[in-house]
Amino acid sequence: MREFKTVEDIMACQVKAVAPGDDIYLALRRLSELEIGRLFVLDDGKLVGIITRTDIMKGFRLRLLEGGR
């Protein structure tokens, strides 16, 4: 059995990301298609945040509670 010693041994090399101005439905679709729980948010190649399924669902829930405004 292979022994993992560093993060590099098990990290994913292809970053799954969206941009800050991308449509929220695009992010949700990407999460679903890739079967992952979070996406990096990159602005001009720089990491500016992370968005998760939970973040999106909380946003939808708040909007519903506010009357869909």
PDB file of N, CA and C in Angstrom:
ATOM      1  N   MET A   1       0.845  -1.182   0.000  1.00  0.00           N
ATOM      2  CA  MET A   1       0.000   0.000   0.000  1.00  0.00           C
ATOM      3  C   MET A   1       0.892   1.247   0.000  1.00  0.00           C
ATOM      4  N   ARG A   2       0.519   2.224  -0.832  1.00  0.00           N
ATOM      5  CA  ARG A   2       1.313   3.437  -0.947  1.00  0.00           C
ATOM      6  C   ARG A   2       1.114   4.335   0.273  1.00  0.00           C
ATOM      7  N   GLU A   3       2.197   4.881   0.751  1.00  0.00           N
ATOM      8  CA  GLU A   3       2.146   5.779   1.905  1.00  0.00           C
ATOM      9  C   GLU A   3       2.163   7.231   1.416  1.00  0.00           C
ATOM     10  N   PHE A   4       1.220   8.018   1.912  1.00  0.00           N
ATOM     11  CA  PHE A   4       1.164   9.437   1.575  1.00  0.00           C
ATOM     12  C   PHE A   4       1.907  10.222   2.641  1.00  0.00           C
ATOM     13  N   LYS A   5       2.820  11.086   2.186  1.00  0.00           N
ATOM     14  CA  LYS A   5       3.615  11.863   3.130  1.00  0.00           C
ATOM     15  C   LYS A   5       3.394  13.361   3.012  1.00  0.00           C
ATOM     16  N   THR A   6       2.952  13.792   1.860  1.00  0.00           N
ATOM     17  CA  THR A   6       2.777  15.230   1.662  1.00  0.00           C
ATOM     18  C   THR A   6       1.418  15.510   1.010  1.00  0.00           C
ATOM     19  N   VAL A   7       1.004  16.741   1.082  1.00  0.00           N
ATOM     20  CA  VAL A   7      -0.222  17.168   0.422  1.00  0.00           C
ATOM     21  C   VAL A   7      -0.124  16.906  -1.073  1.00  0.00           C
ATOM     22  N   GLU A   8       1.039  17.164  -1.622  1.00  0.00           N
ATOM     23  CA  GLU A   8       1.254  16.981  -3.055  1.00  0.00           C
ATOM     24  C   GLU A   8       0.960  15.547  -3.494  1.00  0.00           C
ATOM     25  N   ASP A   9       1.177  14.575  -2.613  1.00  0.00           N
ATOM     26  CA  ASP A   9       0.942  13.174  -2.939  1.00  0.00           C
ATOM     27  C   ASP A   9      -0.526  12.888  -3.264  1.00  0.00           C
ATOM     28  N   ILE A  10      -1.443  13.675  -2.717  1.00  0.00           N
ATOM     29  CA  ILE A  10      -2.864  13.370  -2.902  1.00  0.00           C
ATOM     30  C   ILE A  10      -3.698  14.528  -3.456  1.00  0.00           C
ATOM     31  N   MET A  11      -3.075  15.676  -3.686  1.00  0.00           N
ATOM     32  CA  MET A  11      -3.844  16.842  -4.124  1.00  0.00           C
ATOM     33  C   MET A  11      -4.343  16.684  -5.560  1.00  0.00           C
ATOM     34  N   ALA A  12      -5.421  17.381  -5.862  1.00  0.00           N
ATOM     35  CA  ALA A  12      -5.925  17.467  -7.227  1.00  0.00           C
ATOM     36  C   ALA A  12      -5.124  18.525  -7.964  1.00  0.00           C
ATOM     37  N   CYS A  13      -4.767  18.251  -9.185  1.00  0.00           N
ATOM     38  CA  CYS A  13      -3.945  19.190  -9.945  1.00  0.00           C
ATOM     39  C   CYS A  13      -4.766  20.144 -10.803  1.00  0.00           C
ATOM     40  N   GLN A  14      -5.944  19.717 -11.211  1.00  0.00           N
ATOM     41  CA  GLN A  14      -6.788  20.590 -12.024  1.00  0.00           C
ATOM     42  C   GLN A  14      -7.758  21.321 -11.103  1.00  0.00           C
ATOM     43  N   VAL A  15      -7.623  22.622 -11.068  1.00  0.00           N
ATOM     44  CA  VAL A  15      -8.450  23.452 -10.202  1.00  0.00           C
ATOM     45  C   VAL A  15      -9.812  23.664 -10.850  1.00  0.00           C
ATOM     46  N   LYS A  16     -10.860  23.430 -10.094  1.00  0.00           N
ATOM     47  CA  LYS A  16     -12.234  23.671 -10.551  1.00  0.00           C
ATOM     48  C   LYS A  16     -12.633  25.031 -10.000  1.00  0.00           C
ATOM     49  N   ALA A  17     -12.980  25.961 -10.898  1.00  0.00           N
ATOM     50  CA  ALA A  17     -13.179  27.338 -10.444  1.00  0.00           C
ATOM     51  C   ALA A  17     -14.264  28.061 -11.224  1.00  0.00           C
ATOM     52  N   VAL A  18     -14.712  29.145 -10.627  1.00  0.00           N
ATOM     53  CA  VAL A  18     -15.614  30.108 -11.262  1.00  0.00           C
ATOM     54  C   VAL A  18     -15.016  31.490 -11.022  1.00  0.00           C
ATOM     55  N   ALA A  19     -15.554  32.473 -11.719  1.00  0.00           N
ATOM     56  CA  ALA A  19     -15.124  33.857 -11.535  1.00  0.00           C
ATOM     57  C   ALA A  19     -16.158  34.591 -10.682  1.00  0.00           C
ATOM     58  N   PRO A  20     -15.770  35.665 -10.016  1.00  0.00           N
ATOM     59  CA  PRO A  20     -16.700  36.400  -9.161  1.00  0.00           C
ATOM     60  C   PRO A  20     -17.972  36.859  -9.876  1.00  0.00           C
ATOM     61  N   GLY A  21     -17.883  37.169 -11.144  1.00  0.00           N
ATOM     62  CA  GLY A  21     -19.038  37.654 -11.890  1.00  0.00           C
ATOM     63  C   GLY A  21     -19.873  36.586 -12.564  1.00  0.00           C
ATOM     64  N   ASP A  22     -19.485  35.310 -12.416  1.00  0.00           N
ATOM     65  CA  ASP A  22     -20.238  34.222 -13.036  1.00  0.00           C
ATOM     66  C   ASP A  22     -21.621  34.084 -12.405  1.00  0.00           C
ATOM     67  N   ASP A  23     -22.562  33.632 -13.203  1.00  0.00           N
ATOM     68  CA  ASP A  23     -23.927  33.391 -12.748  1.00  0.00           C
ATOM     69  C   ASP A  23     -23.944  32.275 -11.702  1.00  0.00           C
ATOM     70  N   ILE A  24     -24.744  32.456 -10.662  1.00  0.00           N
ATOM     71  CA  ILE A  24     -24.804  31.483  -9.578  1.00  0.00           C
ATOM     72  C   ILE A  24     -25.294  30.126 -10.078  1.00  0.00           C
ATOM     73  N   TYR A  25     -26.151  30.140 -11.102  1.00  0.00           N
ATOM     74  CA  TYR A  25     -26.650  28.875 -11.651  1.00  0.00           C
ATOM     75  C   TYR A  25     -25.540  28.118 -12.384  1.00  0.00           C
ATOM     76  N   LEU A  26     -24.597  28.840 -12.970  1.00  0.00           N
ATOM     77  CA  LEU A  26     -23.434  28.201 -13.584  1.00  0.00           C
ATOM     78  C   LEU A  26     -22.619  27.486 -12.513  1.00  0.00           C
ATOM     79  N   ALA A  27     -22.397  28.154 -11.393  1.00  0.00           N
ATOM     80  CA  ALA A  27     -21.637  27.544 -10.302  1.00  0.00           C
ATOM     81  C   ALA A  27     -22.349  26.298  -9.783  1.00  0.00           C
ATOM     82  N   LEU A  28     -23.651  26.385  -9.603  1.00  0.00           N
ATOM     83  CA  LEU A  28     -24.419  25.244  -9.111  1.00  0.00           C
ATOM     84  C   LEU A  28     -24.386  24.090 -10.106  1.00  0.00           C
ATOM     85  N   ARG A  29     -24.507  24.407 -11.382  1.00  0.00           N
ATOM     86  CA  ARG A  29     -24.434  23.375 -12.433  1.00  0.00           C
ATOM     87  C   ARG A  29     -23.066  22.707 -12.436  1.00  0.00           C
ATOM     88  N   ARG A  30     -22.003  23.503 -12.294  1.00  0.00           N
ATOM     89  CA  ARG A  30     -20.647  22.948 -12.274  1.00  0.00           C
ATOM     90  C   ARG A  30     -20.443  22.015 -11.070  1.00  0.00           C
ATOM     91  N   LEU A  31     -20.924  22.459  -9.909  1.00  0.00           N
ATOM     92  CA  LEU A  31     -20.825  21.621  -8.707  1.00  0.00           C
ATOM     93  C   LEU A  31     -21.530  20.292  -8.930  1.00  0.00           C
ATOM     94  N   SER A  32     -22.701  20.352  -9.530  1.00  0.00           N
ATOM     95  CA  SER A  32     -23.489  19.145  -9.761  1.00  0.00           C
ATOM     96  C   SER A  32     -22.828  18.227 -10.794  1.00  0.00           C
ATOM     97  N   GLU A  33     -22.410  18.800 -11.911  1.00  0.00           N
ATOM     98  CA  GLU A  33     -21.796  18.002 -12.979  1.00  0.00           C
ATOM     99  C   GLU A  33     -20.493  17.338 -12.528  1.00  0.00           C
ATOM    100  N   LEU A  34     -19.709  18.058 -11.741  1.00  0.00           N
ATOM    101  CA  LEU A  34     -18.414  17.542 -11.294  1.00  0.00           C
ATOM    102  C   LEU A  34     -18.533  16.698 -10.020  1.00  0.00           C
ATOM    103  N   GLU A  35     -19.744  16.692  -9.440  1.00  0.00           N
ATOM    104  CA  GLU A  35     -20.009  15.954  -8.200  1.00  0.00           C
ATOM    105  C   GLU A  35     -19.011  16.334  -7.104  1.00  0.00           C
ATOM    106  N   ILE A  36     -18.903  17.667  -6.905  1.00  0.00           N
ATOM    107  CA  ILE A  36     -18.023  18.204  -5.878  1.00  0.00           C
ATOM    108  C   ILE A  36     -18.825  19.161  -4.998  1.00  0.00           C
ATOM    109  N   GLY A  37     -18.277  19.529  -3.881  1.00  0.00           N
ATOM    110  CA  GLY A  37     -18.994  20.360  -2.929  1.00  0.00           C
ATOM    111  C   GLY A  37     -18.549  21.804  -2.864  1.00  0.00           C
ATOM    112  N   ARG A  38     -17.444  22.131  -3.553  1.00  0.00           N
ATOM    113  CA  ARG A  38     -16.962  23.511  -3.482  1.00  0.00           C
ATOM    114  C   ARG A  38     -16.167  23.851  -4.746  1.00  0.00           C
ATOM    115  N   LEU A  39     -16.175  25.137  -5.050  1.00  0.00           N
ATOM    116  CA  LEU A  39     -15.407  25.656  -6.181  1.00  0.00           C
ATOM    117  C   LEU A  39     -14.549  26.820  -5.707  1.00  0.00           C
ATOM    118  N   PHE A  40     -13.364  26.921  -6.255  1.00  0.00           N
ATOM    119  CA  PHE A  40     -12.548  28.092  -5.997  1.00  0.00           C
ATOM    120  C   PHE A  40     -13.113  29.246  -6.811  1.00  0.00           C
ATOM    121  N   VAL A  41     -13.006  30.448  -6.286  1.00  0.00           N
ATOM    122  CA  VAL A  41     -13.400  31.654  -7.018  1.00  0.00           C
ATOM    123  C   VAL A  41     -12.100  32.372  -7.364  1.00  0.00           C
ATOM    124  N   LEU A  42     -11.824  32.450  -8.668  1.00  0.00           N
ATOM    125  CA  LEU A  42     -10.591  33.057  -9.142  1.00  0.00           C
ATOM    126  C   LEU A  42     -10.897  34.337  -9.903  1.00  0.00           C
ATOM    127  N   ASP A  43     -10.133  35.378  -9.606  1.00  0.00           N
ATOM    128  CA  ASP A  43     -10.235  36.651 -10.311  1.00  0.00           C
ATOM    129  C   ASP A  43      -8.875  36.942 -10.917  1.00  0.00           C
ATOM    130  N   ASP A  44      -8.816  36.867 -12.225  1.00  0.00           N
ATOM    131  CA  ASP A  44      -7.548  37.079 -12.930  1.00  0.00           C
ATOM    132  C   ASP A  44      -6.476  36.100 -12.449  1.00  0.00           C
ATOM    133  N   GLY A  45      -6.892  34.848 -12.186  1.00  0.00           N
ATOM    134  CA  GLY A  45      -5.965  33.812 -11.754  1.00  0.00           C
ATOM    135  C   GLY A  45      -5.626  33.824 -10.274  1.00  0.00           C
ATOM    136  N   LYS A  46      -6.162  34.809  -9.552  1.00  0.00           N
ATOM    137  CA  LYS A  46      -5.877  34.923  -8.117  1.00  0.00           C
ATOM    138  C   LYS A  46      -7.070  34.403  -7.310  1.00  0.00           C
ATOM    139  N   LEU A  47      -6.782  33.588  -6.307  1.00  0.00           N
ATOM    140  CA  LEU A  47      -7.821  33.056  -5.444  1.00  0.00           C
ATOM    141  C   LEU A  47      -8.410  34.175  -4.600  1.00  0.00           C
ATOM    142  N   VAL A  48      -9.735  34.395  -4.756  1.00  0.00           N
ATOM    143  CA  VAL A  48     -10.401  35.438  -3.982  1.00  0.00           C
ATOM    144  C   VAL A  48     -11.473  34.865  -3.063  1.00  0.00           C
ATOM    145  N   GLY A  49     -11.745  33.550  -3.195  1.00  0.00           N
ATOM    146  CA  GLY A  49     -12.732  32.934  -2.323  1.00  0.00           C
ATOM    147  C   GLY A  49     -13.030  31.501  -2.705  1.00  0.00           C
ATOM    148  N   ILE A  50     -13.973  30.941  -1.975  1.00  0.00           N
ATOM    149  CA  ILE A  50     -14.464  29.584  -2.213  1.00  0.00           C
ATOM    150  C   ILE A  50     -15.973  29.648  -2.062  1.00  0.00           C
ATOM    151  N   ILE A  51     -16.688  28.991  -2.967  1.00  0.00           N
ATOM    152  CA  ILE A  51     -18.141  28.910  -2.842  1.00  0.00           C
ATOM    153  C   ILE A  51     -18.530  27.442  -2.740  1.00  0.00           C
ATOM    154  N   THR A  52     -19.458  27.154  -1.844  1.00  0.00           N
ATOM    155  CA  THR A  52     -19.890  25.780  -1.607  1.00  0.00           C
ATOM    156  C   THR A  52     -21.367  25.628  -1.957  1.00  0.00           C
ATOM    157  N   ARG A  53     -21.795  24.374  -2.071  1.00  0.00           N
ATOM    158  CA  ARG A  53     -23.223  24.098  -2.273  1.00  0.00           C
ATOM    159  C   ARG A  53     -24.023  24.734  -1.145  1.00  0.00           C
ATOM    160  N   THR A  54     -23.500  24.614   0.073  1.00  0.00           N
ATOM    161  CA  THR A  54     -24.187  25.160   1.243  1.00  0.00           C
ATOM    162  C   THR A  54     -24.336  26.675   1.128  1.00  0.00           C
ATOM    163  N   ASP A  55     -23.305  27.370   0.673  1.00  0.00           N
ATOM    164  CA  ASP A  55     -23.385  28.827   0.471  1.00  0.00           C
ATOM    165  C   ASP A  55     -24.532  29.167  -0.481  1.00  0.00           C
ATOM    166  N   ILE A  56     -24.624  28.425  -1.572  1.00  0.00           N
ATOM    167  CA  ILE A  56     -25.652  28.691  -2.576  1.00  0.00           C
ATOM    168  C   ILE A  56     -27.041  28.420  -2.006  1.00  0.00           C
ATOM    169  N   MET A  57     -27.187  27.297  -1.313  1.00  0.00           N
ATOM    170  CA  MET A  57     -28.491  26.950  -0.741  1.00  0.00           C
ATOM    171  C   MET A  57     -28.915  27.965   0.319  1.00  0.00           C
ATOM    172  N   LYS A  58     -27.968  28.435   1.132  1.00  0.00           N
ATOM    173  CA  LYS A  58     -28.283  29.475   2.126  1.00  0.00           C
ATOM    174  C   LYS A  58     -28.745  30.755   1.432  1.00  0.00           C
ATOM    175  N   GLY A  59     -28.094  31.096   0.324  1.00  0.00           N
ATOM    176  CA  GLY A  59     -28.481  32.285  -0.435  1.00  0.00           C
ATOM    177  C   GLY A  59     -29.893  32.158  -0.986  1.00  0.00           C
ATOM    178  N   PHE A  60     -30.227  30.990  -1.537  1.00  0.00           N
ATOM    179  CA  PHE A  60     -31.583  30.757  -2.042  1.00  0.00           C
ATOM    180  C   PHE A  60     -32.594  30.814  -0.905  1.00  0.00           C
ATOM    181  N   ARG A  61     -32.261  30.230   0.221  1.00  0.00           N
ATOM    182  CA  ARG A  61     -33.166  30.205   1.373  1.00  0.00           C
ATOM    183  C   ARG A  61     -33.442  31.635   1.868  1.00  0.00           C
ATOM    184  N   LEU A  62     -32.388  32.432   1.992  1.00  0.00           N
ATOM    185  CA  LEU A  62     -32.570  33.822   2.428  1.00  0.00           C
ATOM    186  C   LEU A  62     -33.448  34.601   1.464  1.00  0.00           C
ATOM    187  N   ARG A  63     -33.239  34.367   0.204  1.00  0.00           N
ATOM    188  CA  ARG A  63     -34.046  35.064  -0.811  1.00  0.00           C
ATOM    189  C   ARG A  63     -35.516  34.680  -0.697  1.00  0.00           C
ATOM    190  N   LEU A  64     -35.777  33.388  -0.474  1.00  0.00           N
ATOM    191  CA  LEU A  64     -37.161  32.927  -0.290  1.00  0.00           C
ATOM    192  C   LEU A  64     -37.790  33.550   0.949  1.00  0.00           C
ATOM    193  N   LEU A  65     -37.011  33.613   2.032  1.00  0.00           N
ATOM    194  CA  LEU A  65     -37.529  34.177   3.270  1.00  0.00           C
ATOM    195  C   LEU A  65     -37.823  35.677   3.133  1.00  0.00           C
ATOM    196  N   GLU A  66     -37.096  36.334   2.239  1.00  0.00           N
ATOM    197  CA  GLU A  66     -37.306  37.769   1.997  1.00  0.00           C
ATOM    198  C   GLU A  66     -38.429  38.019   0.998  1.00  0.00           C
ATOM    199  N   GLY A  67     -39.073  36.955   0.576  1.00  0.00           N
ATOM    200  CA  GLY A  67     -40.193  37.108  -0.369  1.00  0.00           C
ATOM    201  C   GLY A  67     -39.787  37.056  -1.826  1.00  0.00           C
ATOM    202  N   GLY A  68     -38.606  36.506  -2.101  1.00  0.00           N
ATOM    203  CA  GLY A  68     -38.170  36.347  -3.476  1.00  0.00           C
ATOM    204  C   GLY A  68     -37.715  37.617  -4.157  1.00  0.00           C
ATOM    205  N   ARG A  69     -37.417  38.635  -3.383  1.00  0.00           N
ATOM    206  CA  ARG A  69     -36.971  39.911  -3.967  1.00  0.00           C
ATOM    207  C   ARG A  69     -35.631  39.798  -4.610  1.00  0.00           C
TER     208      ARG A  69
END
